[in-house]
Amino acid sequence: MTATSDYLALDLGAESGRGLLGRFDGHRLTLEEVHRFPNVPVRLMRTLHWDLPRLFNDIKDTIRKARLNQARLDAVGVDTWGVDFGLIGKGDTLLGNPVHYRDERTQGIPEKVFETLPREELYNLTGLQILPFNTVFQLIAMKRAESPLLECAETLLMMPDLVNWLLTGRRVCEYTDSSTSQLLDPRTRNWSDEVCRRLDLPRSILPDLIPPGTELGTLLPSVAEETGAHGLAVIAPATHDTASAVAAVPARGDSDWCYLSSGTWSLMGIETPAPIINETTSQLNFTNEGGIDGTTRVLKNIMGLWIVQECRRAWERSTGREWTYDDLIPRAYSAAPFVSLIDPDDPRFLPPGDMPGRIAALCRETGQPEPADEGAVLRCAMESLALKYRVVVEMLERISGRPIRTIHIVGGGTQNTLLCQFTADATGRVVLAGPIEATAIGNLLVQAMGRGKLSGLKELREVVARSFPLAEYEPRDRAAWDDAAGRFAELTARRG
């Protein structure tokens, strides 16, 4: 009989963090939530920061609760969002709180970078989608502002690596999250000396890279004392949350599927054995990020449920009442279809703020009716997201040369049944939704891989398929969605 192993996933998202305990018996994985906590950024003067000290306290609380819940923990692993980082100075000094990717410091920075390193060359060197908040642009913003922190830095650590440093004292960067930085060469799977040289960035602050599944050691004595978890091993899973989520896609061995990791962001793509970097992927602005077992995730970042989340927050501020998705989704379902459409990737939707007002303004600018109420706003946002997914699926078929018949949706967005159905309808593909906790599941099972309990990605996915149910959505009402897709294409072409 196979011994049971117990792992703790620390899954830090842009809005909240949580700890999930995973029990693996060699055949199936079961989950239990240990603790959940908010992740609220803090604006200090003009800069938006992550509150890392509070986050780390919550992380230690989670380990403590997991230790009390389960006497024997085998390991813990951390995953977070990509692109953001912290700087370490002499004497293991944290040089300030990490800055949030939605901070405004990178406005106009990509254009400045392209004067030195043209867009096409930067893409060819890194294979990464050009997004204004990529790590490379954040560093150039610091350099142009003559930040003393950059001058004092000994080591740059991506967010999950920063947490691992606080847990273990190790200064290393795990590959999957580092691949979101635009400082990495996906062909050599190492830092790009050329990017650093051309942009005059200090190559010396970039530490050694490690693959997912690497054991980093045990908790520092001070952390072990606070948590009671003496001797607890820390394993770097696929520390980029999307890489962990994609690892947990319960797909079969064939290649006629794509994934959609649906949450604050929508990450839609395919898995390939090597990067795809050519004129087409550059033109279409696709990204090549690291995956499990040497795979590459060829994908596009889409604004995602952030728009819906910000609408809900705006209504809560204006009405003084709490709006749940159970309140809002039925209103969206009842609203008239295809009244107005937006491009979810319009830059105005990136910062936090009055999202319903921005949607109304874009509708006015494009000669469409303003959404009449909350349900109409949400229907507009979700129909537009589904149509964006259709565009991206067609792009994926074009760059890969293979048909896509199934869309695997994983993550919190699987709970939005209306959007799942819209996705099937808009794309004309079967949608398989689940598991909800894909990121934590991928995190936990890569820890198991690191401990030799699983042989690789294929076996990992077989465990997921055995352990968690899926919901299936068949496409319907194709004619109406085809008409809407034509309008959507005109709208997005107008934006350029």
Protein backbone atom coordinates (compact mmCIF):
# COMPACT_ATOMS: atom_id res chain seq x y z
CA MET A 1 0.00 0.00 0.00
CA THR A 2 1.36 3.43 -0.98
CA ALA A 3 2.04 5.77 1.93
CA THR A 4 0.05 8.99 1.99
CA SER A 5 1.95 12.26 1.57
CA ASP A 6 0.75 15.66 2.79
CA TYR A 7 1.77 18.87 1.04
CA LEU A 8 0.85 22.51 1.63
CA ALA A 9 0.29 24.85 -1.33
CA LEU A 10 0.64 28.56 -0.62
CA ASP A 11 -1.22 30.11 -3.55
CA LEU A 12 -0.86 33.90 -3.63
CA GLY A 13 -3.10 35.71 -6.07
CA ALA A 14 -3.45 39.37 -6.95
CA GLU A 15 -6.50 39.73 -4.67
CA SER A 16 -6.11 37.02 -2.03
CA GLY A 17 -3.89 34.25 -0.77
CA ARG A 18 -4.74 30.89 0.68
CA GLY A 19 -3.24 27.70 1.91
CA LEU A 20 -4.52 24.37 0.68
CA LEU A 21 -3.51 21.07 2.21
CA GLY A 22 -3.17 18.29 -0.34
CA ARG A 23 -3.22 14.63 0.64
CA PHE A 24 -1.84 12.33 -2.05
CA ASP A 25 -2.19 8.56 -1.76
CA GLY A 26 -0.35 7.78 -4.98
CA HIS A 27 -3.60 7.55 -6.94
CA ARG A 28 -5.81 10.50 -6.00
CA LEU A 29 -5.37 13.95 -4.49
CA THR A 30 -7.77 15.46 -1.96
CA LEU A 31 -7.82 19.12 -0.91
CA GLU A 32 -8.61 20.97 2.28
CA GLU A 33 -8.46 24.74 2.64
CA VAL A 34 -6.45 25.72 5.71
CA HIS A 35 -6.54 29.51 5.62
CA ARG A 36 -7.53 32.36 3.32
CA PHE A 37 -6.42 35.98 3.58
CA PRO A 38 -6.72 39.21 1.57
CA ASN A 39 -3.89 40.58 -0.54
CA VAL A 40 -4.51 44.32 -0.50
CA PRO A 41 -1.98 46.64 -2.15
CA VAL A 42 -0.97 49.84 -0.39
CA ARG A 43 -0.43 53.23 -2.01
CA LEU A 44 2.49 55.07 -0.40
CA MET A 45 2.73 58.60 -1.76
CA ARG A 46 2.37 58.04 -5.53
CA THR A 47 3.48 54.40 -5.70
CA LEU A 48 1.33 51.27 -5.46
CA HIS A 49 3.07 48.56 -3.41
CA TRP A 50 2.43 45.00 -2.38
CA ASP A 51 2.22 44.70 1.42
CA LEU A 52 4.88 42.00 1.69
CA PRO A 53 5.34 42.13 5.51
CA ARG A 54 1.63 41.51 6.04
CA LEU A 55 1.60 38.81 3.36
CA PHE A 56 4.50 37.04 5.04
CA ASN A 57 2.73 37.13 8.40
CA ASP A 58 -0.30 35.54 6.73
CA ILE A 59 1.96 32.92 5.13
CA LYS A 60 3.41 32.02 8.54
CA ASP A 61 -0.10 31.86 10.02
CA THR A 62 -1.09 29.48 7.23
CA ILE A 63 1.88 27.19 7.87
CA ARG A 64 1.09 27.24 11.60
CA LYS A 65 -2.56 26.32 11.00
CA ALA A 66 -1.60 23.57 8.56
CA ARG A 67 0.88 22.19 11.09
CA LEU A 68 -1.83 22.11 13.77
CA ASN A 69 -4.29 20.57 11.30
CA GLN A 70 -1.88 17.88 10.13
CA ALA A 71 0.83 16.63 12.45
CA ARG A 72 3.11 15.54 9.59
CA LEU A 73 3.64 17.89 6.67
CA ASP A 74 6.00 16.64 3.97
CA ALA A 75 6.64 19.95 2.20
CA VAL A 76 5.34 23.41 1.34
CA GLY A 77 5.40 25.21 -2.02
CA VAL A 78 4.66 28.81 -3.04
CA ASP A 79 3.19 30.16 -6.26
CA THR A 80 2.31 33.76 -7.16
CA TRP A 81 1.53 35.99 -10.12
CA GLY A 82 4.35 36.89 -12.51
CA VAL A 83 6.44 39.96 -13.47
CA ASP A 84 6.77 41.57 -10.01
CA PHE A 85 9.95 41.33 -7.94
CA GLY A 86 11.87 42.47 -4.90
CA LEU A 87 15.47 43.58 -4.48
CA ILE A 88 17.85 42.29 -1.81
CA GLY A 89 20.80 44.33 -0.58
CA LYS A 90 23.79 43.63 1.63
CA GLY A 91 23.21 41.72 4.82
CA ASP A 92 19.99 40.12 3.55
CA THR A 93 18.21 43.48 3.54
CA LEU A 94 14.91 43.80 1.70
CA LEU A 95 15.16 47.04 -0.28
CA GLY A 96 11.61 48.34 0.05
CA ASN A 97 8.24 46.75 -0.55
CA PRO A 98 7.78 45.30 -4.06
CA VAL A 99 5.90 47.59 -6.45
CA HIS A 100 2.57 46.45 -7.93
CA TYR A 101 2.47 45.78 -11.67
CA ARG A 102 -0.55 48.10 -11.94
CA ASP A 103 1.52 51.04 -10.69
CA GLU A 104 1.84 53.83 -13.23
CA ARG A 105 5.65 54.00 -13.27
CA THR A 106 5.93 52.07 -16.55
CA GLN A 107 3.67 54.40 -18.55
CA GLY A 108 5.57 55.33 -21.71
CA ILE A 109 8.56 53.17 -20.77
CA PRO A 110 8.20 50.52 -23.51
CA GLU A 111 8.44 53.24 -26.17
CA LYS A 112 11.64 54.54 -24.54
CA VAL A 113 13.09 51.02 -24.48
CA PHE A 114 12.29 50.52 -28.16
CA GLU A 115 14.52 53.50 -29.00
CA THR A 116 17.48 51.43 -27.75
CA LEU A 117 16.23 47.90 -28.36
CA PRO A 118 13.52 47.80 -31.04
CA ARG A 119 10.32 45.95 -30.22
CA GLU A 120 10.94 43.19 -32.79
CA GLU A 121 14.45 42.54 -31.48
CA LEU A 122 13.28 42.44 -27.85
CA TYR A 123 10.58 39.96 -28.80
CA ASN A 124 13.01 37.81 -30.79
CA LEU A 125 15.44 37.71 -27.86
CA THR A 126 12.84 36.84 -25.22
CA GLY A 127 9.75 35.49 -27.00
CA LEU A 128 7.60 37.36 -24.50
CA GLN A 129 4.40 39.28 -25.15
CA ILE A 130 5.11 43.01 -24.97
CA LEU A 131 3.17 44.23 -21.94
CA PRO A 132 3.93 47.55 -20.22
CA PHE A 133 4.32 45.99 -16.76
CA ASN A 134 6.87 43.29 -17.70
CA THR A 135 9.81 43.14 -15.30
CA VAL A 136 12.22 44.59 -17.85
CA PHE A 137 10.11 47.75 -18.20
CA GLN A 138 9.79 48.08 -14.41
CA LEU A 139 13.58 47.95 -14.11
CA ILE A 140 14.05 50.55 -16.84
CA ALA A 141 11.50 52.78 -15.05
CA MET A 142 13.65 52.50 -11.91
CA LYS A 143 16.81 53.20 -13.87
CA ARG A 144 15.33 56.29 -15.55
CA ALA A 145 14.14 57.54 -12.15
CA GLU A 146 17.70 56.99 -10.81
CA SER A 147 16.34 54.74 -8.09
CA PRO A 148 18.90 54.25 -5.30
CA LEU A 149 17.39 50.80 -4.68
CA LEU A 150 18.66 49.51 -8.00
CA GLU A 151 22.11 50.88 -7.21
CA CYS A 152 22.17 49.07 -3.85
CA ALA A 153 20.73 45.77 -5.05
CA GLU A 154 22.75 42.56 -4.85
CA THR A 155 19.97 40.23 -6.01
CA LEU A 156 16.66 40.46 -7.84
CA LEU A 157 14.08 37.86 -6.81
CA MET A 158 10.71 37.35 -8.47
CA MET A 159 7.76 37.39 -6.04
CA PRO A 160 7.60 33.65 -5.28
CA ASP A 161 11.38 33.51 -5.00
CA LEU A 162 11.22 36.44 -2.60
CA VAL A 163 8.85 34.46 -0.36
CA ASN A 164 11.10 31.39 -0.63
CA TRP A 165 14.06 33.55 0.42
CA LEU A 166 12.13 34.70 3.49
CA LEU A 167 11.31 31.05 4.27
CA THR A 168 14.72 29.47 3.60
CA GLY A 169 17.36 32.14 3.01
CA ARG A 170 18.05 30.80 -0.52
CA ARG A 171 18.53 33.38 -3.29
CA VAL A 172 17.50 31.58 -6.48
CA CYS A 173 14.87 32.13 -9.18
CA GLU A 174 12.55 29.34 -10.34
CA TYR A 175 12.32 29.08 -14.11
CA THR A 176 8.58 29.41 -14.82
CA ASP A 177 8.08 32.69 -12.98
CA SER A 178 11.36 34.09 -14.26
CA SER A 179 10.12 33.43 -17.79
CA THR A 180 7.56 36.24 -17.30
CA SER A 181 10.30 38.84 -16.79
CA GLN A 182 11.35 39.51 -20.42
CA LEU A 183 14.90 39.06 -19.16
CA LEU A 184 15.11 35.39 -20.15
CA ASP A 185 16.10 33.64 -23.37
CA PRO A 186 13.58 30.78 -23.78
CA ARG A 187 15.84 28.98 -26.25
CA THR A 188 18.76 28.64 -23.83
CA ARG A 189 16.47 28.65 -20.77
CA ASN A 190 18.81 31.15 -19.10
CA TRP A 191 18.99 34.88 -18.48
CA SER A 192 19.55 36.93 -21.63
CA ASP A 193 22.97 38.56 -21.43
CA GLU A 194 22.10 40.41 -24.64
CA VAL A 195 19.00 42.11 -23.17
CA CYS A 196 20.95 43.14 -20.07
CA ARG A 197 23.83 44.47 -22.17
CA ARG A 198 21.68 46.38 -24.65
CA LEU A 199 19.59 48.00 -21.91
CA ASP A 200 22.52 48.51 -19.50
CA LEU A 201 20.86 46.47 -16.76
CA PRO A 202 23.02 44.84 -14.07
CA ARG A 203 23.30 41.16 -15.05
CA SER A 204 25.00 40.47 -11.70
CA ILE A 205 21.73 40.85 -9.75
CA LEU A 206 20.08 37.93 -11.58
CA PRO A 207 20.64 34.74 -9.54
CA ASP A 208 20.88 31.09 -10.55
CA LEU A 209 17.78 29.58 -12.17
CA ILE A 210 16.26 26.34 -10.87
CA PRO A 211 13.66 24.02 -12.46
CA PRO A 212 10.22 23.41 -10.93
CA GLY A 213 10.26 20.65 -8.34
CA THR A 214 13.58 21.74 -6.79
CA GLU A 215 13.88 21.28 -3.04
CA LEU A 216 15.28 24.47 -1.50
CA GLY A 217 15.94 23.21 2.02
CA THR A 218 14.00 23.57 5.24
CA LEU A 219 12.48 26.56 7.02
CA LEU A 220 14.87 29.02 8.62
CA PRO A 221 15.09 28.47 12.39
CA SER A 222 13.26 31.74 13.11
CA VAL A 223 10.37 30.79 10.79
CA ALA A 224 10.26 27.24 12.15
CA GLU A 225 10.09 28.61 15.69
CA GLU A 226 7.16 30.91 14.84
CA THR A 227 5.21 28.26 12.93
CA GLY A 228 6.09 25.12 14.88
CA ALA A 229 7.01 23.46 11.57
CA HIS A 230 10.57 22.39 12.40
CA GLY A 231 12.31 20.60 9.55
CA LEU A 232 9.57 21.42 7.01
CA ALA A 233 10.93 21.15 3.47
CA VAL A 234 10.33 23.98 1.00
CA ILE A 235 9.95 22.89 -2.63
CA ALA A 236 9.73 25.33 -5.54
CA PRO A 237 6.80 24.11 -7.64
CA ALA A 238 5.98 25.83 -10.92
CA THR A 239 6.05 29.09 -8.98
CA HIS A 240 4.22 31.09 -11.64
CA ASP A 241 0.55 30.50 -10.86
CA THR A 242 -0.40 30.00 -14.51
CA ALA A 243 2.32 27.39 -14.97
CA SER A 244 0.95 25.48 -11.98
CA ALA A 245 -2.61 25.82 -13.31
CA VAL A 246 -1.63 24.57 -16.77
CA ALA A 247 0.16 21.59 -15.23
CA ALA A 248 -3.19 20.65 -13.66
CA VAL A 249 -5.14 20.72 -16.95
CA PRO A 250 -6.65 17.19 -17.11
CA ALA A 251 -6.01 16.83 -20.84
CA ARG A 252 -5.30 13.60 -22.68
CA GLY A 253 -2.12 13.06 -24.66
CA ASP A 254 -3.43 14.50 -27.94
CA SER A 255 -2.74 18.07 -29.03
CA ASP A 256 -6.17 19.27 -30.20
CA TRP A 257 -6.84 21.33 -27.05
CA CYS A 258 -5.94 24.67 -25.59
CA TYR A 259 -6.14 25.93 -22.04
CA LEU A 260 -7.77 28.99 -20.55
CA SER A 261 -6.63 29.81 -17.04
CA SER A 262 -9.51 32.02 -15.97
CA GLY A 263 -9.25 34.43 -13.06
CA THR A 264 -8.28 38.07 -12.62
CA TRP A 265 -6.38 37.52 -15.87
CA SER A 266 -7.35 35.17 -18.67
CA LEU A 267 -4.32 33.26 -19.93
CA MET A 268 -5.12 31.35 -23.10
CA GLY A 269 -2.67 29.16 -24.94
CA ILE A 270 -1.20 25.84 -25.98
CA GLU A 271 1.60 23.66 -24.68
CA THR A 272 4.56 23.02 -26.99
CA PRO A 273 7.91 21.22 -26.69
CA ALA A 274 9.81 24.37 -27.72
CA PRO A 275 9.19 28.12 -28.01
CA ILE A 276 7.45 29.48 -31.11
CA ILE A 277 9.18 32.75 -31.94
CA ASN A 278 8.65 34.08 -35.43
CA GLU A 279 7.20 37.01 -37.33
CA THR A 280 3.63 35.77 -36.81
CA THR A 281 3.89 35.32 -33.04
CA SER A 282 5.61 38.71 -32.80
CA GLN A 283 2.90 40.37 -34.88
CA LEU A 284 0.14 38.72 -32.84
CA ASN A 285 2.01 39.47 -29.58
CA PHE A 286 2.07 35.94 -28.17
CA THR A 287 4.22 35.01 -25.22
CA ASN A 288 6.48 32.00 -24.61
CA GLU A 289 6.65 31.10 -20.93
CA GLY A 290 8.15 28.16 -19.09
CA GLY A 291 6.18 25.05 -18.19
CA ILE A 292 6.65 21.70 -16.50
CA ASP A 293 8.97 19.00 -17.88
CA GLY A 294 10.70 21.41 -20.26
CA THR A 295 7.49 22.45 -22.02
CA THR A 296 6.72 25.95 -23.26
CA ARG A 297 3.40 27.68 -22.72
CA VAL A 298 2.62 29.68 -25.86
CA LEU A 299 -0.15 32.01 -24.77
CA LYS A 300 -1.77 35.40 -24.75
CA ASN A 301 -2.61 37.47 -21.68
CA ILE A 302 -6.19 38.81 -21.78
CA MET A 303 -7.61 41.29 -19.26
CA GLY A 304 -9.94 38.65 -17.80
CA LEU A 305 -12.36 38.83 -14.89
CA TRP A 306 -10.53 41.89 -13.54
CA ILE A 307 -13.11 43.99 -15.40
CA VAL A 308 -15.99 42.20 -13.68
CA GLN A 309 -14.25 42.36 -10.29
CA GLU A 310 -13.66 46.11 -10.59
CA CYS A 311 -17.28 46.69 -11.64
CA ARG A 312 -18.43 44.89 -8.51
CA ARG A 313 -16.12 46.98 -6.32
CA ALA A 314 -17.33 50.20 -7.96
CA TRP A 315 -20.97 49.31 -7.27
CA GLU A 316 -20.15 48.44 -3.67
CA ARG A 317 -18.47 51.83 -3.23
CA SER A 318 -21.37 53.73 -4.79
CA THR A 319 -24.23 51.86 -3.08
CA GLY A 320 -22.67 50.97 0.26
CA ARG A 321 -23.93 47.38 -0.04
CA GLU A 322 -22.19 44.13 -0.81
CA TRP A 323 -22.69 42.73 -4.31
CA THR A 324 -22.11 38.99 -4.67
CA TYR A 325 -21.74 37.13 -7.94
CA ASP A 326 -24.93 35.28 -6.99
CA ASP A 327 -26.64 38.70 -7.20
CA LEU A 328 -24.95 39.77 -10.42
CA ILE A 329 -24.76 36.73 -12.72
CA PRO A 330 -28.57 36.26 -12.92
CA ARG A 331 -28.86 39.94 -13.89
CA ALA A 332 -26.33 39.41 -16.67
CA TYR A 333 -28.21 36.32 -17.82
CA SER A 334 -31.46 38.31 -18.04
CA ALA A 335 -29.94 41.27 -19.89
CA ALA A 336 -30.47 41.66 -23.64
CA PRO A 337 -27.70 40.01 -25.71
CA PHE A 338 -25.13 41.79 -27.89
CA VAL A 339 -26.33 45.35 -27.21
CA SER A 340 -22.79 46.70 -26.81
CA LEU A 341 -19.31 45.20 -27.05
CA ILE A 342 -15.89 46.32 -25.82
CA ASP A 343 -12.29 45.26 -26.37
CA PRO A 344 -11.32 43.86 -22.94
CA ASP A 345 -7.67 44.65 -23.67
CA ASP A 346 -8.23 48.38 -24.13
CA PRO A 347 -5.51 49.97 -21.90
CA ARG A 348 -8.10 52.05 -20.03
CA PHE A 349 -9.24 48.87 -18.26
CA LEU A 350 -5.82 48.07 -16.75
CA PRO A 351 -5.75 50.41 -13.69
CA PRO A 352 -8.21 50.05 -10.80
CA GLY A 353 -11.07 52.54 -10.71
CA ASP A 354 -14.52 53.27 -12.10
CA MET A 355 -14.83 50.32 -14.48
CA PRO A 356 -18.57 50.78 -15.24
CA GLY A 357 -17.85 54.40 -16.17
CA ARG A 358 -14.98 53.37 -18.46
CA ILE A 359 -17.16 50.76 -20.18
CA ALA A 360 -19.88 53.37 -20.72
CA ALA A 361 -17.33 55.85 -22.11
CA LEU A 362 -15.95 53.31 -24.58
CA CYS A 363 -19.46 52.43 -25.73
CA ARG A 364 -20.19 56.14 -26.34
CA GLU A 365 -16.93 56.59 -28.25
CA THR A 366 -17.74 53.65 -30.53
CA GLY A 367 -21.33 54.73 -31.19
CA GLN A 368 -22.94 51.98 -29.12
CA PRO A 369 -25.62 52.27 -26.42
CA GLU A 370 -24.34 52.65 -22.88
CA PRO A 371 -25.24 49.60 -20.75
CA ALA A 372 -28.47 50.42 -18.93
CA ASP A 373 -27.81 48.71 -15.58
CA GLU A 374 -25.50 46.34 -13.72
CA GLY A 375 -26.72 43.27 -15.61
CA ALA A 376 -26.15 44.97 -18.97
CA VAL A 377 -22.63 46.04 -17.95
CA LEU A 378 -21.69 42.51 -16.95
CA ARG A 379 -23.27 40.96 -20.04
CA CYS A 380 -21.32 43.39 -22.21
CA ALA A 381 -18.06 42.50 -20.41
CA MET A 382 -18.60 38.72 -20.52
CA GLU A 383 -19.80 38.56 -24.12
CA SER A 384 -16.77 40.63 -25.09
CA LEU A 385 -14.43 38.31 -23.18
CA ALA A 386 -15.91 35.26 -24.91
CA LEU A 387 -15.47 36.92 -28.31
CA LYS A 388 -11.87 37.75 -27.41
CA TYR A 389 -11.33 34.07 -26.61
CA ARG A 390 -12.65 33.21 -30.08
CA VAL A 391 -10.10 35.52 -31.68
CA VAL A 392 -7.26 34.02 -29.64
CA VAL A 393 -8.29 30.41 -30.43
CA GLU A 394 -8.16 31.23 -34.13
CA MET A 395 -4.73 32.81 -33.65
CA LEU A 396 -3.49 29.71 -31.80
CA GLU A 397 -4.58 27.50 -34.68
CA ARG A 398 -2.76 29.80 -37.08
CA ILE A 399 0.57 29.83 -35.22
CA SER A 400 0.57 26.13 -34.31
CA GLY A 401 -0.81 24.73 -37.56
CA ARG A 402 -3.08 22.37 -35.65
CA PRO A 403 -6.84 22.37 -35.02
CA ILE A 404 -8.24 23.13 -31.57
CA ARG A 405 -11.40 21.20 -30.76
CA THR A 406 -11.54 21.48 -26.97
CA ILE A 407 -10.97 24.36 -24.55
CA HIS A 408 -9.97 23.38 -21.01
CA ILE A 409 -10.94 26.17 -18.60
CA VAL A 410 -9.29 25.98 -15.19
CA GLY A 411 -9.28 28.26 -12.16
CA GLY A 412 -11.83 30.41 -10.38
CA GLY A 413 -13.51 31.46 -13.62
CA THR A 414 -14.92 27.93 -13.98
CA GLN A 415 -17.50 28.94 -11.37
CA ASN A 416 -18.87 31.56 -13.76
CA THR A 417 -21.13 29.16 -15.64
CA LEU A 418 -22.51 31.91 -17.87
CA LEU A 419 -19.04 32.85 -19.13
CA CYS A 420 -18.17 29.17 -19.65
CA GLN A 421 -21.28 28.75 -21.82
CA PHE A 422 -20.55 32.01 -23.66
CA THR A 423 -17.02 30.70 -24.37
CA ALA A 424 -18.38 27.49 -25.93
CA ASP A 425 -20.95 29.48 -27.92
CA ALA A 426 -18.53 32.14 -29.16
CA THR A 427 -15.74 29.74 -30.15
CA GLY A 428 -17.82 26.83 -31.41
CA ARG A 429 -15.66 24.49 -29.32
CA VAL A 430 -16.50 22.10 -26.52
CA VAL A 431 -15.53 23.60 -23.16
CA LEU A 432 -14.40 21.37 -20.29
CA ALA A 433 -14.36 23.39 -17.07
CA GLY A 434 -12.37 22.38 -14.02
CA PRO A 435 -10.71 21.97 -11.70
CA ILE A 436 -11.44 25.23 -9.86
CA GLU A 437 -8.31 24.98 -7.72
CA ALA A 438 -6.02 24.15 -10.64
CA THR A 439 -3.18 26.39 -9.47
CA ALA A 440 -3.01 24.84 -6.00
CA ILE A 441 -3.41 21.34 -7.47
CA GLY A 442 -0.52 21.90 -9.88
CA ASN A 443 1.56 23.34 -7.03
CA LEU A 444 0.87 20.31 -4.81
CA LEU A 445 1.50 17.68 -7.47
CA VAL A 446 4.75 19.29 -8.65
CA GLN A 447 5.87 19.08 -5.02
CA ALA A 448 5.02 15.37 -5.23
CA MET A 449 7.07 15.17 -8.45
CA GLY A 450 9.96 16.82 -6.63
CA ARG A 451 9.73 14.10 -4.00
CA GLY A 452 9.73 11.36 -6.64
CA LYS A 453 6.08 10.40 -6.13
CA LEU A 454 5.16 11.13 -9.78
CA SER A 455 7.20 10.44 -12.89
CA GLY A 456 6.22 13.50 -14.91
CA LEU A 457 3.53 15.67 -16.44
CA LYS A 458 1.57 12.82 -18.04
CA GLU A 459 1.16 10.98 -14.75
CA LEU A 460 0.39 14.24 -12.94
CA ARG A 461 -2.52 14.93 -15.30
CA GLU A 462 -3.84 11.41 -14.89
CA VAL A 463 -4.05 12.04 -11.13
CA VAL A 464 -5.97 15.28 -11.74
CA ALA A 465 -8.43 13.52 -14.07
CA ARG A 466 -9.07 10.81 -11.46
CA SER A 467 -9.42 13.26 -8.58
CA PHE A 468 -11.64 16.12 -9.79
CA PRO A 469 -14.88 16.29 -11.84
CA LEU A 470 -15.32 18.43 -14.96
CA ALA A 471 -18.33 20.34 -16.32
CA GLU A 472 -18.94 20.16 -20.07
CA TYR A 473 -20.43 22.94 -22.21
CA GLU A 474 -21.51 22.34 -25.80
CA PRO A 475 -21.63 25.25 -28.29
CA ARG A 476 -25.05 26.59 -29.31
CA ASP A 477 -26.67 29.57 -31.05
CA ARG A 478 -23.80 29.86 -33.54
CA ALA A 479 -25.44 32.30 -35.96
CA ALA A 480 -25.95 35.03 -33.35
CA TRP A 481 -22.38 34.67 -32.12
CA ASP A 482 -21.00 34.73 -35.66
CA ASP A 483 -22.79 38.05 -36.24
CA ALA A 484 -21.44 39.42 -32.96
CA ALA A 485 -17.93 38.27 -33.91
CA GLY A 486 -18.11 40.40 -37.05
CA ARG A 487 -19.02 43.48 -34.99
CA PHE A 488 -16.28 42.66 -32.48
CA ALA A 489 -13.68 42.40 -35.25
CA GLU A 490 -14.65 45.85 -36.56
CA LEU A 491 -14.49 47.30 -33.06
CA THR A 492 -11.03 45.92 -32.26
CA ALA A 493 -9.68 46.81 -35.72
CA ARG A 494 -10.70 50.41 -35.06
CA ARG A 495 -8.51 50.42 -31.92
CA GLY A 496 -5.60 48.94 -33.84
